[in-house]
Each structure stands twice: as C-alpha cells, then as structure tokens.
Amino acid sequence: QLPPSFRFKVGLEIGDAEYASYGILHRLLIQLHCGALDISSLIEEHQQYVPTVVAAAKDMVMATYQASLNLAGDSPDPSRLNGRAMTEDDLLQRLAEKNNPISEYYFRMSAACVAYLFG
C-alpha cells in the first residue's frame, strides 16, 4: 500500500485526479484521527489541498476540514460541523441528492467525533 501523500502525487502525475483526491483524504484523516500534526498545521494542509480535490472526495475532505476547524475553536458551535468550511444541512442535502453512502459515512464519523468531544 502506497503512503497517502505519494498516492496524491502519483495520481496527479498520471492524470487520475480522483485517485489523488482519495489519497489526500486518507492523509488528512490519518493526521486528524492520530494527532500526527498540531491542529494549525492540519488546517493549513486542508487549505492547501482543498482546491485540488475533485468533487468525488470534496464532501469528505470538507467534513474533516470543518472538524479540524472545530477543534481549533473556529466554529460557532463546536459540537456541530457548521462554520467556515461547510454546514451540516448543506452537506447532508448534497449527499442525499448524490446518494453517496461512503461520503455520508465520512461525514457522520466526523460529526460524531465533534459531537462526542464537545457535546
């Protein structure tokens, strides 16, 4: 298995933006869940990669980005994924329209984490 940052690089080099996007999603998730970076560095990584992530993975990345912002105190209600990166209602509506259970899973996991920590 290739490291997520390498998958991102290779995906971009061969023109497979979706593969690259999932690679960076996994990198960001690992860093968020394992505490591999301090929260401000993690937010900077999200800001760096969000513009290059394709639609297939963008909803998942935005949920982890907002969870990171919540952990940094950058949210009106830290127990909900509402703020600068996204709002729960908008994302849930998009996910319902797309019928994408994988994206909904990642969203619900991020939402559960912040609800547990701050709820």
PDB file of N, CA and C in Angstrom:
ATOM      1  N   GLN A   1       0.844  -1.177   0.000  1.00  0.00           N
ATOM      2  CA  GLN A   1       0.000   0.000   0.000  1.00  0.00           C
ATOM      3  C   GLN A   1       0.891   1.242   0.000  1.00  0.00           C
ATOM      4  N   LEU A   2       0.610   2.161  -0.899  1.00  0.00           N
ATOM      5  CA  LEU A   2       1.392   3.389  -1.012  1.00  0.00           C
ATOM      6  C   LEU A   2       0.948   4.399   0.040  1.00  0.00           C
ATOM      7  N   PRO A   3       1.896   5.182   0.575  1.00  0.00           N
ATOM      8  CA  PRO A   3       1.509   6.228   1.526  1.00  0.00           C
ATOM      9  C   PRO A   3       0.573   7.235   0.850  1.00  0.00           C
ATOM     10  N   PRO A   4      -0.377   7.811   1.602  1.00  0.00           N
ATOM     11  CA  PRO A   4      -1.353   8.720   1.007  1.00  0.00           C
ATOM     12  C   PRO A   4      -0.743   9.899   0.260  1.00  0.00           C
ATOM     13  N   SER A   5       0.324  10.500   0.775  1.00  0.00           N
ATOM     14  CA  SER A   5       0.908  11.652   0.082  1.00  0.00           C
ATOM     15  C   SER A   5       1.525  11.230  -1.246  1.00  0.00           C
ATOM     16  N   PHE A   6       2.077  10.018  -1.300  1.00  0.00           N
ATOM     17  CA  PHE A   6       2.641   9.510  -2.549  1.00  0.00           C
ATOM     18  C   PHE A   6       1.519   9.213  -3.541  1.00  0.00           C
ATOM     19  N   ARG A   7       0.402   8.658  -3.049  1.00  0.00           N
ATOM     20  CA  ARG A   7      -0.746   8.394  -3.926  1.00  0.00           C
ATOM     21  C   ARG A   7      -1.264   9.697  -4.523  1.00  0.00           C
ATOM     22  N   PHE A   8      -1.269  10.760  -3.738  1.00  0.00           N
ATOM     23  CA  PHE A   8      -1.708  12.057  -4.242  1.00  0.00           C
ATOM     24  C   PHE A   8      -0.797  12.512  -5.374  1.00  0.00           C
ATOM     25  N   LYS A   9       0.508  12.437  -5.148  1.00  0.00           N
ATOM     26  CA  LYS A   9       1.486  12.876  -6.149  1.00  0.00           C
ATOM     27  C   LYS A   9       1.375  12.046  -7.425  1.00  0.00           C
ATOM     28  N   VAL A  10       1.328  10.730  -7.283  1.00  0.00           N
ATOM     29  CA  VAL A  10       1.244   9.849  -8.451  1.00  0.00           C
ATOM     30  C   VAL A  10      -0.067  10.070  -9.197  1.00  0.00           C
ATOM     31  N   GLY A  11      -1.161  10.192  -8.459  1.00  0.00           N
ATOM     32  CA  GLY A  11      -2.452  10.426  -9.097  1.00  0.00           C
ATOM     33  C   GLY A  11      -2.449  11.676  -9.955  1.00  0.00           C
ATOM     34  N   LEU A  12      -1.850  12.746  -9.457  1.00  0.00           N
ATOM     35  CA  LEU A  12      -1.770  13.978 -10.242  1.00  0.00           C
ATOM     36  C   LEU A  12      -0.863  13.802 -11.448  1.00  0.00           C
ATOM     37  N   GLU A  13       0.257  13.096 -11.267  1.00  0.00           N
ATOM     38  CA  GLU A  13       1.201  12.902 -12.371  1.00  0.00           C
ATOM     39  C   GLU A  13       0.601  12.102 -13.517  1.00  0.00           C
ATOM     40  N   ILE A  14      -0.231  11.110 -13.199  1.00  0.00           N
ATOM     41  CA  ILE A  14      -0.801  10.284 -14.269  1.00  0.00           C
ATOM     42  C   ILE A  14      -2.174  10.783 -14.722  1.00  0.00           C
ATOM     43  N   GLY A  15      -2.637  11.867 -14.126  1.00  0.00           N
ATOM     44  CA  GLY A  15      -3.898  12.457 -14.539  1.00  0.00           C
ATOM     45  C   GLY A  15      -5.131  11.826 -13.920  1.00  0.00           C
ATOM     46  N   ASP A  16      -4.960  11.088 -12.838  1.00  0.00           N
ATOM     47  CA  ASP A  16      -6.102  10.477 -12.154  1.00  0.00           C
ATOM     48  C   ASP A  16      -6.414  11.301 -10.904  1.00  0.00           C
ATOM     49  N   ALA A  17      -7.192  12.359 -11.106  1.00  0.00           N
ATOM     50  CA  ALA A  17      -7.480  13.293 -10.019  1.00  0.00           C
ATOM     51  C   ALA A  17      -8.289  12.640  -8.906  1.00  0.00           C
ATOM     52  N   GLU A  18      -9.160  11.691  -9.247  1.00  0.00           N
ATOM     53  CA  GLU A  18      -9.958  11.042  -8.205  1.00  0.00           C
ATOM     54  C   GLU A  18      -9.065  10.208  -7.286  1.00  0.00           C
ATOM     55  N   TYR A  19      -8.125   9.454  -7.862  1.00  0.00           N
ATOM     56  CA  TYR A  19      -7.184   8.661  -7.065  1.00  0.00           C
ATOM     57  C   TYR A  19      -6.358   9.586  -6.169  1.00  0.00           C
ATOM     58  N   ALA A  20      -5.899  10.693  -6.746  1.00  0.00           N
ATOM     59  CA  ALA A  20      -5.118  11.666  -5.981  1.00  0.00           C
ATOM     60  C   ALA A  20      -5.948  12.230  -4.832  1.00  0.00           C
ATOM     61  N   SER A  21      -7.206  12.522  -5.099  1.00  0.00           N
ATOM     62  CA  SER A  21      -8.079  13.104  -4.082  1.00  0.00           C
ATOM     63  C   SER A  21      -8.313  12.156  -2.917  1.00  0.00           C
ATOM     64  N   TYR A  22      -8.537  10.890  -3.224  1.00  0.00           N
ATOM     65  CA  TYR A  22      -8.727   9.922  -2.140  1.00  0.00           C
ATOM     66  C   TYR A  22      -7.433   9.719  -1.360  1.00  0.00           C
ATOM     67  N   GLY A  23      -6.300   9.821  -2.042  1.00  0.00           N
ATOM     68  CA  GLY A  23      -5.017   9.732  -1.342  1.00  0.00           C
ATOM     69  C   GLY A  23      -4.865  10.838  -0.318  1.00  0.00           C
ATOM     70  N   ILE A  24      -5.212  12.061  -0.717  1.00  0.00           N
ATOM     71  CA  ILE A  24      -5.064  13.176   0.219  1.00  0.00           C
ATOM     72  C   ILE A  24      -6.125  13.103   1.315  1.00  0.00           C
ATOM     73  N   LEU A  25      -7.318  12.622   0.977  1.00  0.00           N
ATOM     74  CA  LEU A  25      -8.340  12.434   2.005  1.00  0.00           C
ATOM     75  C   LEU A  25      -7.823  11.501   3.094  1.00  0.00           C
ATOM     76  N   HIS A  26      -7.235  10.398   2.710  1.00  0.00           N
ATOM     77  CA  HIS A  26      -6.726   9.446   3.704  1.00  0.00           C
ATOM     78  C   HIS A  26      -5.584  10.043   4.517  1.00  0.00           C
ATOM     79  N   ARG A  27      -4.746  10.831   3.876  1.00  0.00           N
ATOM     80  CA  ARG A  27      -3.661  11.503   4.606  1.00  0.00           C
ATOM     81  C   ARG A  27      -4.240  12.428   5.686  1.00  0.00           C
ATOM     82  N   LEU A  28      -5.214  13.232   5.299  1.00  0.00           N
ATOM     83  CA  LEU A  28      -5.809  14.182   6.243  1.00  0.00           C
ATOM     84  C   LEU A  28      -6.554  13.463   7.367  1.00  0.00           C
ATOM     85  N   LEU A  29      -7.250  12.386   7.035  1.00  0.00           N
ATOM     86  CA  LEU A  29      -7.955  11.615   8.067  1.00  0.00           C
ATOM     87  C   LEU A  29      -6.990  11.005   9.072  1.00  0.00           C
ATOM     88  N   ILE A  30      -5.905  10.436   8.584  1.00  0.00           N
ATOM     89  CA  ILE A  30      -4.910   9.836   9.480  1.00  0.00           C
ATOM     90  C   ILE A  30      -4.337  10.901  10.406  1.00  0.00           C
ATOM     91  N   GLN A  31      -4.012  12.059   9.836  1.00  0.00           N
ATOM     92  CA  GLN A  31      -3.441  13.127  10.657  1.00  0.00           C
ATOM     93  C   GLN A  31      -4.444  13.646  11.681  1.00  0.00           C
ATOM     94  N   LEU A  32      -5.709  13.740  11.301  1.00  0.00           N
ATOM     95  CA  LEU A  32      -6.735  14.211  12.231  1.00  0.00           C
ATOM     96  C   LEU A  32      -6.963  13.203  13.350  1.00  0.00           C
ATOM     97  N   HIS A  33      -7.144  11.950  13.001  1.00  0.00           N
ATOM     98  CA  HIS A  33      -7.505  10.940  13.997  1.00  0.00           C
ATOM     99  C   HIS A  33      -6.340  10.492  14.866  1.00  0.00           C
ATOM    100  N   CYS A  34      -5.130  10.595  14.346  1.00  0.00           N
ATOM    101  CA  CYS A  34      -3.965  10.130  15.121  1.00  0.00           C
ATOM    102  C   CYS A  34      -3.203  11.270  15.776  1.00  0.00           C
ATOM    103  N   GLY A  35      -3.589  12.502  15.495  1.00  0.00           N
ATOM    104  CA  GLY A  35      -2.883  13.636  16.078  1.00  0.00           C
ATOM    105  C   GLY A  35      -1.470  13.777  15.559  1.00  0.00           C
ATOM    106  N   ALA A  36      -1.262  13.421  14.287  1.00  0.00           N
ATOM    107  CA  ALA A  36       0.079  13.448  13.713  1.00  0.00           C
ATOM    108  C   ALA A  36       0.616  14.867  13.535  1.00  0.00           C
ATOM    109  N   LEU A  37      -0.278  15.839  13.431  1.00  0.00           N
ATOM    110  CA  LEU A  37       0.116  17.241  13.288  1.00  0.00           C
ATOM    111  C   LEU A  37      -0.604  18.064  14.347  1.00  0.00           C
ATOM    112  N   ASP A  38      -0.007  19.206  14.702  1.00  0.00           N
ATOM    113  CA  ASP A  38      -0.759  20.125  15.552  1.00  0.00           C
ATOM    114  C   ASP A  38      -1.912  20.676  14.711  1.00  0.00           C
ATOM    115  N   ILE A  39      -2.952  21.139  15.356  1.00  0.00           N
ATOM    116  CA  ILE A  39      -4.190  21.477  14.659  1.00  0.00           C
ATOM    117  C   ILE A  39      -4.007  22.607  13.649  1.00  0.00           C
ATOM    118  N   SER A  40      -3.167  23.594  13.935  1.00  0.00           N
ATOM    119  CA  SER A  40      -2.977  24.691  12.973  1.00  0.00           C
ATOM    120  C   SER A  40      -2.283  24.194  11.708  1.00  0.00           C
ATOM    121  N   SER A  41      -1.345  23.267  11.834  1.00  0.00           N
ATOM    122  CA  SER A  41      -0.690  22.689  10.652  1.00  0.00           C
ATOM    123  C   SER A  41      -1.670  21.841   9.847  1.00  0.00           C
ATOM    124  N   LEU A  42      -2.551  21.140  10.535  1.00  0.00           N
ATOM    125  CA  LEU A  42      -3.555  20.328   9.849  1.00  0.00           C
ATOM    126  C   LEU A  42      -4.518  21.217   9.063  1.00  0.00           C
ATOM    127  N   ILE A  43      -4.915  22.333   9.640  1.00  0.00           N
ATOM    128  CA  ILE A  43      -5.791  23.272   8.937  1.00  0.00           C
ATOM    129  C   ILE A  43      -5.084  23.828   7.708  1.00  0.00           C
ATOM    130  N   GLU A  44      -3.804  24.152   7.833  1.00  0.00           N
ATOM    131  CA  GLU A  44      -3.033  24.633   6.679  1.00  0.00           C
ATOM    132  C   GLU A  44      -2.985  23.585   5.571  1.00  0.00           C
ATOM    133  N   GLU A  45      -2.824  22.312   5.930  1.00  0.00           N
ATOM    134  CA  GLU A  45      -2.819  21.246   4.920  1.00  0.00           C
ATOM    135  C   GLU A  45      -4.168  21.164   4.219  1.00  0.00           C
ATOM    136  N   HIS A  46      -5.248  21.275   4.974  1.00  0.00           N
ATOM    137  CA  HIS A  46      -6.572  21.267   4.346  1.00  0.00           C
ATOM    138  C   HIS A  46      -6.679  22.423   3.355  1.00  0.00           C
ATOM    139  N   GLN A  47      -6.258  23.614   3.763  1.00  0.00           N
ATOM    140  CA  GLN A  47      -6.346  24.776   2.885  1.00  0.00           C
ATOM    141  C   GLN A  47      -5.502  24.584   1.632  1.00  0.00           C
ATOM    142  N   GLN A  48      -4.388  23.897   1.761  1.00  0.00           N
ATOM    143  CA  GLN A  48      -3.511  23.647   0.615  1.00  0.00           C
ATOM    144  C   GLN A  48      -4.158  22.684  -0.378  1.00  0.00           C
ATOM    145  N   TYR A  49      -4.799  21.636   0.119  1.00  0.00           N
ATOM    146  CA  TYR A  49      -5.282  20.580  -0.762  1.00  0.00           C
ATOM    147  C   TYR A  49      -6.728  20.727  -1.221  1.00  0.00           C
ATOM    148  N   VAL A  50      -7.554  21.447  -0.496  1.00  0.00           N
ATOM    149  CA  VAL A  50      -8.972  21.556  -0.855  1.00  0.00           C
ATOM    150  C   VAL A  50      -9.176  22.004  -2.304  1.00  0.00           C
ATOM    151  N   PRO A  51      -8.441  22.981  -2.821  1.00  0.00           N
ATOM    152  CA  PRO A  51      -8.688  23.394  -4.209  1.00  0.00           C
ATOM    153  C   PRO A  51      -8.410  22.306  -5.252  1.00  0.00           C
ATOM    154  N   THR A  52      -7.567  21.332  -4.939  1.00  0.00           N
ATOM    155  CA  THR A  52      -7.216  20.315  -5.931  1.00  0.00           C
ATOM    156  C   THR A  52      -8.048  19.046  -5.826  1.00  0.00           C
ATOM    157  N   VAL A  53      -8.837  18.924  -4.783  1.00  0.00           N
ATOM    158  CA  VAL A  53      -9.628  17.711  -4.581  1.00  0.00           C
ATOM    159  C   VAL A  53     -10.840  17.736  -5.511  1.00  0.00           C
ATOM    160  N   VAL A  54     -11.085  16.635  -6.200  1.00  0.00           N
ATOM    161  CA  VAL A  54     -12.212  16.564  -7.128  1.00  0.00           C
ATOM    162  C   VAL A  54     -13.518  16.373  -6.369  1.00  0.00           C
ATOM    163  N   ALA A  55     -14.605  16.574  -7.065  1.00  0.00           N
ATOM    164  CA  ALA A  55     -15.929  16.511  -6.444  1.00  0.00           C
ATOM    165  C   ALA A  55     -16.186  15.189  -5.734  1.00  0.00           C
ATOM    166  N   ALA A  56     -15.649  14.103  -6.246  1.00  0.00           N
ATOM    167  CA  ALA A  56     -15.899  12.786  -5.655  1.00  0.00           C
ATOM    168  C   ALA A  56     -15.457  12.716  -4.199  1.00  0.00           C
ATOM    169  N   ALA A  57     -14.411  13.421  -3.853  1.00  0.00           N
ATOM    170  CA  ALA A  57     -13.886  13.358  -2.484  1.00  0.00           C
ATOM    171  C   ALA A  57     -14.071  14.659  -1.718  1.00  0.00           C
ATOM    172  N   LYS A  58     -14.529  15.714  -2.394  1.00  0.00           N
ATOM    173  CA  LYS A  58     -14.584  17.031  -1.759  1.00  0.00           C
ATOM    174  C   LYS A  58     -15.477  17.053  -0.519  1.00  0.00           C
ATOM    175  N   ASP A  59     -16.634  16.413  -0.579  1.00  0.00           N
ATOM    176  CA  ASP A  59     -17.527  16.420   0.584  1.00  0.00           C
ATOM    177  C   ASP A  59     -16.858  15.783   1.793  1.00  0.00           C
ATOM    178  N   MET A  60     -16.124  14.716   1.567  1.00  0.00           N
ATOM    179  CA  MET A  60     -15.446  14.037   2.678  1.00  0.00           C
ATOM    180  C   MET A  60     -14.328  14.905   3.248  1.00  0.00           C
ATOM    181  N   VAL A  61     -13.580  15.557   2.368  1.00  0.00           N
ATOM    182  CA  VAL A  61     -12.482  16.418   2.817  1.00  0.00           C
ATOM    183  C   VAL A  61     -13.029  17.622   3.569  1.00  0.00           C
ATOM    184  N   MET A  62     -14.138  18.190   3.099  1.00  0.00           N
ATOM    185  CA  MET A  62     -14.699  19.357   3.769  1.00  0.00           C
ATOM    186  C   MET A  62     -15.185  19.008   5.172  1.00  0.00           C
ATOM    187  N   ALA A  63     -15.695  17.801   5.365  1.00  0.00           N
ATOM    188  CA  ALA A  63     -16.134  17.385   6.703  1.00  0.00           C
ATOM    189  C   ALA A  63     -14.942  17.281   7.652  1.00  0.00           C
ATOM    190  N   THR A  64     -13.830  16.725   7.191  1.00  0.00           N
ATOM    191  CA  THR A  64     -12.650  16.637   8.063  1.00  0.00           C
ATOM    192  C   THR A  64     -12.046  18.022   8.281  1.00  0.00           C
ATOM    193  N   TYR A  65     -12.122  18.880   7.260  1.00  0.00           N
ATOM    194  CA  TYR A  65     -11.622  20.252   7.389  1.00  0.00           C
ATOM    195  C   TYR A  65     -12.425  20.988   8.465  1.00  0.00           C
ATOM    196  N   GLN A  66     -13.761  20.896   8.413  1.00  0.00           N
ATOM    197  CA  GLN A  66     -14.569  21.586   9.415  1.00  0.00           C
ATOM    198  C   GLN A  66     -14.345  20.994  10.798  1.00  0.00           C
ATOM    199  N   ALA A  67     -14.162  19.684  10.890  1.00  0.00           N
ATOM    200  CA  ALA A  67     -13.862  19.070  12.190  1.00  0.00           C
ATOM    201  C   ALA A  67     -12.559  19.635  12.750  1.00  0.00           C
ATOM    202  N   SER A  68     -11.568  19.839  11.889  1.00  0.00           N
ATOM    203  CA  SER A  68     -10.297  20.430  12.323  1.00  0.00           C
ATOM    204  C   SER A  68     -10.497  21.861  12.798  1.00  0.00           C
ATOM    205  N   LEU A  69     -11.311  22.621  12.062  1.00  0.00           N
ATOM    206  CA  LEU A  69     -11.606  23.996  12.481  1.00  0.00           C
ATOM    207  C   LEU A  69     -12.324  24.007  13.832  1.00  0.00           C
ATOM    208  N   ASN A  70     -13.248  23.077  14.030  1.00  0.00           N
ATOM    209  CA  ASN A  70     -13.943  22.986  15.318  1.00  0.00           C
ATOM    210  C   ASN A  70     -12.953  22.726  16.444  1.00  0.00           C
ATOM    211  N   LEU A  71     -12.014  21.818  16.220  1.00  0.00           N
ATOM    212  CA  LEU A  71     -11.011  21.512  17.246  1.00  0.00           C
ATOM    213  C   LEU A  71     -10.149  22.726  17.576  1.00  0.00           C
ATOM    214  N   ALA A  72      -9.972  23.606  16.590  1.00  0.00           N
ATOM    215  CA  ALA A  72      -9.175  24.815  16.798  1.00  0.00           C
ATOM    216  C   ALA A  72      -9.995  25.949  17.408  1.00  0.00           C
ATOM    217  N   GLY A  73     -11.298  25.716  17.623  1.00  0.00           N
ATOM    218  CA  GLY A  73     -12.147  26.755  18.194  1.00  0.00           C
ATOM    219  C   GLY A  73     -12.729  27.699  17.166  1.00  0.00           C
ATOM    220  N   ASP A  74     -12.633  27.355  15.879  1.00  0.00           N
ATOM    221  CA  ASP A  74     -13.117  28.207  14.798  1.00  0.00           C
ATOM    222  C   ASP A  74     -14.479  27.711  14.308  1.00  0.00           C
ATOM    223  N   SER A  75     -15.478  27.796  15.185  1.00  0.00           N
ATOM    224  CA  SER A  75     -16.833  27.370  14.852  1.00  0.00           C
ATOM    225  C   SER A  75     -17.786  27.962  15.882  1.00  0.00           C
ATOM    226  N   PRO A  76     -18.956  28.431  15.442  1.00  0.00           N
ATOM    227  CA  PRO A  76     -19.902  28.986  16.408  1.00  0.00           C
ATOM    228  C   PRO A  76     -20.417  27.941  17.401  1.00  0.00           C
ATOM    229  N   ASP A  77     -20.508  26.693  16.977  1.00  0.00           N
ATOM    230  CA  ASP A  77     -20.940  25.593  17.844  1.00  0.00           C
ATOM    231  C   ASP A  77     -20.007  24.418  17.574  1.00  0.00           C
ATOM    232  N   PRO A  78     -19.006  24.212  18.416  1.00  0.00           N
ATOM    233  CA  PRO A  78     -18.004  23.183  18.126  1.00  0.00           C
ATOM    234  C   PRO A  78     -18.551  21.759  18.096  1.00  0.00           C
ATOM    235  N   SER A  79     -19.757  21.539  18.604  1.00  0.00           N
ATOM    236  CA  SER A  79     -20.315  20.187  18.604  1.00  0.00           C
ATOM    237  C   SER A  79     -21.027  19.840  17.293  1.00  0.00           C
ATOM    238  N   ARG A  80     -21.078  20.809  16.359  1.00  0.00           N
ATOM    239  CA  ARG A  80     -21.706  20.571  15.046  1.00  0.00           C
ATOM    240  C   ARG A  80     -20.756  21.012  13.953  1.00  0.00           C
ATOM    241  N   LEU A  81     -20.849  20.375  12.809  1.00  0.00           N
ATOM    242  CA  LEU A  81     -19.977  20.710  11.678  1.00  0.00           C
ATOM    243  C   LEU A  81     -20.558  21.875  10.880  1.00  0.00           C
ATOM    244  N   ASN A  82     -20.577  23.037  11.505  1.00  0.00           N
ATOM    245  CA  ASN A  82     -21.044  24.262  10.864  1.00  0.00           C
ATOM    246  C   ASN A  82     -19.973  25.315  11.035  1.00  0.00           C
ATOM    247  N   GLY A  83     -19.602  25.959   9.936  1.00  0.00           N
ATOM    248  CA  GLY A  83     -18.599  27.000  10.045  1.00  0.00           C
ATOM    249  C   GLY A  83     -18.040  27.400   8.703  1.00  0.00           C
ATOM    250  N   ARG A  84     -16.793  27.788   8.720  1.00  0.00           N
ATOM    251  CA  ARG A  84     -16.130  28.337   7.547  1.00  0.00           C
ATOM    252  C   ARG A  84     -16.052  27.356   6.381  1.00  0.00           C
ATOM    253  N   ALA A  85     -15.830  26.086   6.630  1.00  0.00           N
ATOM    254  CA  ALA A  85     -15.641  25.108   5.557  1.00  0.00           C
ATOM    255  C   ALA A  85     -16.957  24.565   5.011  1.00  0.00           C
ATOM    256  N   MET A  86     -17.956  24.423   5.862  1.00  0.00           N
ATOM    257  CA  MET A  86     -19.207  23.790   5.428  1.00  0.00           C
ATOM    258  C   MET A  86     -20.289  23.969   6.478  1.00  0.00           C
ATOM    259  N   THR A  87     -21.517  23.613   6.097  1.00  0.00           N
ATOM    260  CA  THR A  87     -22.602  23.498   7.067  1.00  0.00           C
ATOM    261  C   THR A  87     -23.207  22.106   6.934  1.00  0.00           C
ATOM    262  N   GLU A  88     -23.632  21.561   8.051  1.00  0.00           N
ATOM    263  CA  GLU A  88     -24.192  20.208   8.056  1.00  0.00           C
ATOM    264  C   GLU A  88     -25.397  20.093   7.128  1.00  0.00           C
ATOM    265  N   ASP A  89     -26.313  21.049   7.200  1.00  0.00           N
ATOM    266  CA  ASP A  89     -27.539  20.959   6.402  1.00  0.00           C
ATOM    267  C   ASP A  89     -27.243  20.954   4.907  1.00  0.00           C
ATOM    268  N   ASP A  90     -26.338  21.841   4.456  1.00  0.00           N
ATOM    269  CA  ASP A  90     -25.985  21.883   3.033  1.00  0.00           C
ATOM    270  C   ASP A  90     -25.338  20.577   2.587  1.00  0.00           C
ATOM    271  N   LEU A  91     -24.407  20.083   3.385  1.00  0.00           N
ATOM    272  CA  LEU A  91     -23.720  18.852   3.003  1.00  0.00           C
ATOM    273  C   LEU A  91     -24.683  17.670   2.996  1.00  0.00           C
ATOM    274  N   LEU A  92     -25.539  17.562   4.005  1.00  0.00           N
ATOM    275  CA  LEU A  92     -26.500  16.456   4.038  1.00  0.00           C
ATOM    276  C   LEU A  92     -27.450  16.499   2.844  1.00  0.00           C
ATOM    277  N   GLN A  93     -27.843  17.691   2.431  1.00  0.00           N
ATOM    278  CA  GLN A  93     -28.708  17.818   1.257  1.00  0.00           C
ATOM    279  C   GLN A  93     -27.973  17.348   0.002  1.00  0.00           C
ATOM    280  N   ARG A  94     -26.716  17.774  -0.165  1.00  0.00           N
ATOM    281  CA  ARG A  94     -25.917  17.333  -1.320  1.00  0.00           C
ATOM    282  C   ARG A  94     -25.738  15.819  -1.323  1.00  0.00           C
ATOM    283  N   LEU A  95     -25.442  15.267  -0.149  1.00  0.00           N
ATOM    284  CA  LEU A  95     -25.229  13.821  -0.059  1.00  0.00           C
ATOM    285  C   LEU A  95     -26.510  13.054  -0.380  1.00  0.00           C
ATOM    286  N   ALA A  96     -27.658  13.570   0.038  1.00  0.00           N
ATOM    287  CA  ALA A  96     -28.930  12.914  -0.280  1.00  0.00           C
ATOM    288  C   ALA A  96     -29.185  12.931  -1.785  1.00  0.00           C
ATOM    289  N   GLU A  97     -28.846  14.048  -2.429  1.00  0.00           N
ATOM    290  CA  GLU A  97     -29.027  14.155  -3.880  1.00  0.00           C
ATOM    291  C   GLU A  97     -28.104  13.204  -4.633  1.00  0.00           C
ATOM    292  N   LYS A  98     -26.890  13.038  -4.130  1.00  0.00           N
ATOM    293  CA  LYS A  98     -25.902  12.188  -4.804  1.00  0.00           C
ATOM    294  C   LYS A  98     -26.073  10.710  -4.477  1.00  0.00           C
ATOM    295  N   ASN A  99     -26.756  10.415  -3.383  1.00  0.00           N
ATOM    296  CA  ASN A  99     -26.906   9.035  -2.916  1.00  0.00           C
ATOM    297  C   ASN A  99     -25.534   8.360  -2.815  1.00  0.00           C
ATOM    298  N   ASN A 100     -24.644   9.000  -2.051  1.00  0.00           N
ATOM    299  CA  ASN A 100     -23.275   8.514  -1.900  1.00  0.00           C
ATOM    300  C   ASN A 100     -23.060   8.074  -0.450  1.00  0.00           C
ATOM    301  N   PRO A 101     -23.246   6.788  -0.161  1.00  0.00           N
ATOM    302  CA  PRO A 101     -23.140   6.330   1.230  1.00  0.00           C
ATOM    303  C   PRO A 101     -21.734   6.439   1.816  1.00  0.00           C
ATOM    304  N   ILE A 102     -20.711   6.374   0.986  1.00  0.00           N
ATOM    305  CA  ILE A 102     -19.334   6.478   1.506  1.00  0.00           C
ATOM    306  C   ILE A 102     -19.081   7.895   2.018  1.00  0.00           C
ATOM    307  N   SER A 103     -19.482   8.889   1.243  1.00  0.00           N
ATOM    308  CA  SER A 103     -19.322  10.275   1.689  1.00  0.00           C
ATOM    309  C   SER A 103     -20.138  10.531   2.947  1.00  0.00           C
ATOM    310  N   GLU A 104     -21.337   9.970   2.984  1.00  0.00           N
ATOM    311  CA  GLU A 104     -22.170  10.154   4.178  1.00  0.00           C
ATOM    312  C   GLU A 104     -21.519   9.505   5.394  1.00  0.00           C
ATOM    313  N   TYR A 105     -20.884   8.364   5.214  1.00  0.00           N
ATOM    314  CA  TYR A 105     -20.174   7.703   6.316  1.00  0.00           C
ATOM    315  C   TYR A 105     -19.072   8.614   6.865  1.00  0.00           C
ATOM    316  N   TYR A 106     -18.238   9.174   5.974  1.00  0.00           N
ATOM    317  CA  TYR A 106     -17.150  10.044   6.429  1.00  0.00           C
ATOM    318  C   TYR A 106     -17.704  11.276   7.136  1.00  0.00           C
ATOM    319  N   PHE A 107     -18.789  11.836   6.595  1.00  0.00           N
ATOM    320  CA  PHE A 107     -19.406  12.983   7.252  1.00  0.00           C
ATOM    321  C   PHE A 107     -19.893  12.599   8.650  1.00  0.00           C
ATOM    322  N   ARG A 108     -20.621  11.508   8.744  1.00  0.00           N
ATOM    323  CA  ARG A 108     -21.192  11.102  10.037  1.00  0.00           C
ATOM    324  C   ARG A 108     -20.107  10.764  11.057  1.00  0.00           C
ATOM    325  N   MET A 109     -18.995  10.202  10.608  1.00  0.00           N
ATOM    326  CA  MET A 109     -17.881   9.925  11.525  1.00  0.00           C
ATOM    327  C   MET A 109     -17.286  11.228  12.058  1.00  0.00           C
ATOM    328  N   SER A 110     -17.079  12.196  11.178  1.00  0.00           N
ATOM    329  CA  SER A 110     -16.549  13.490  11.622  1.00  0.00           C
ATOM    330  C   SER A 110     -17.539  14.179  12.555  1.00  0.00           C
ATOM    331  N   ALA A 111     -18.827  14.120  12.210  1.00  0.00           N
ATOM    332  CA  ALA A 111     -19.859  14.734  13.053  1.00  0.00           C
ATOM    333  C   ALA A 111     -19.923  14.053  14.416  1.00  0.00           C
ATOM    334  N   ALA A 112     -19.810  12.742  14.433  1.00  0.00           N
ATOM    335  CA  ALA A 112     -19.847  12.007  15.706  1.00  0.00           C
ATOM    336  C   ALA A 112     -18.651  12.366  16.583  1.00  0.00           C
ATOM    337  N   CYS A 113     -17.495  12.528  15.967  1.00  0.00           N
ATOM    338  CA  CYS A 113     -16.286  12.878  16.738  1.00  0.00           C
ATOM    339  C   CYS A 113     -16.445  14.223  17.435  1.00  0.00           C
ATOM    340  N   VAL A 114     -16.894  15.249  16.692  1.00  0.00           N
ATOM    341  CA  VAL A 114     -17.027  16.564  17.326  1.00  0.00           C
ATOM    342  C   VAL A 114     -18.188  16.582  18.317  1.00  0.00           C
ATOM    343  N   ALA A 115     -19.251  15.844  18.034  1.00  0.00           N
ATOM    344  CA  ALA A 115     -20.365  15.776  18.986  1.00  0.00           C
ATOM    345  C   ALA A 115     -19.918  15.113  20.285  1.00  0.00           C
ATOM    346  N   TYR A 116     -19.110  14.082  20.178  1.00  0.00           N
ATOM    347  CA  TYR A 116     -18.610  13.394  21.371  1.00  0.00           C
ATOM    348  C   TYR A 116     -17.669  14.306  22.163  1.00  0.00           C
ATOM    349  N   LEU A 117     -16.771  14.973  21.461  1.00  0.00           N
ATOM    350  CA  LEU A 117     -15.783  15.812  22.140  1.00  0.00           C
ATOM    351  C   LEU A 117     -16.393  17.061  22.768  1.00  0.00           C
ATOM    352  N   PHE A 118     -17.360  17.664  22.087  1.00  0.00           N
ATOM    353  CA  PHE A 118     -17.883  18.953  22.535  1.00  0.00           C
ATOM    354  C   PHE A 118     -19.341  18.915  22.981  1.00  0.00           C
ATOM    355  N   GLY A 119     -20.031  17.801  22.769  1.00  0.00           N
ATOM    356  CA  GLY A 119     -21.479  17.741  23.033  1.00  0.00           C
ATOM    357  C   GLY A 119     -21.832  17.457  24.454  1.00  0.00           C
TER     358      GLY A 119
END
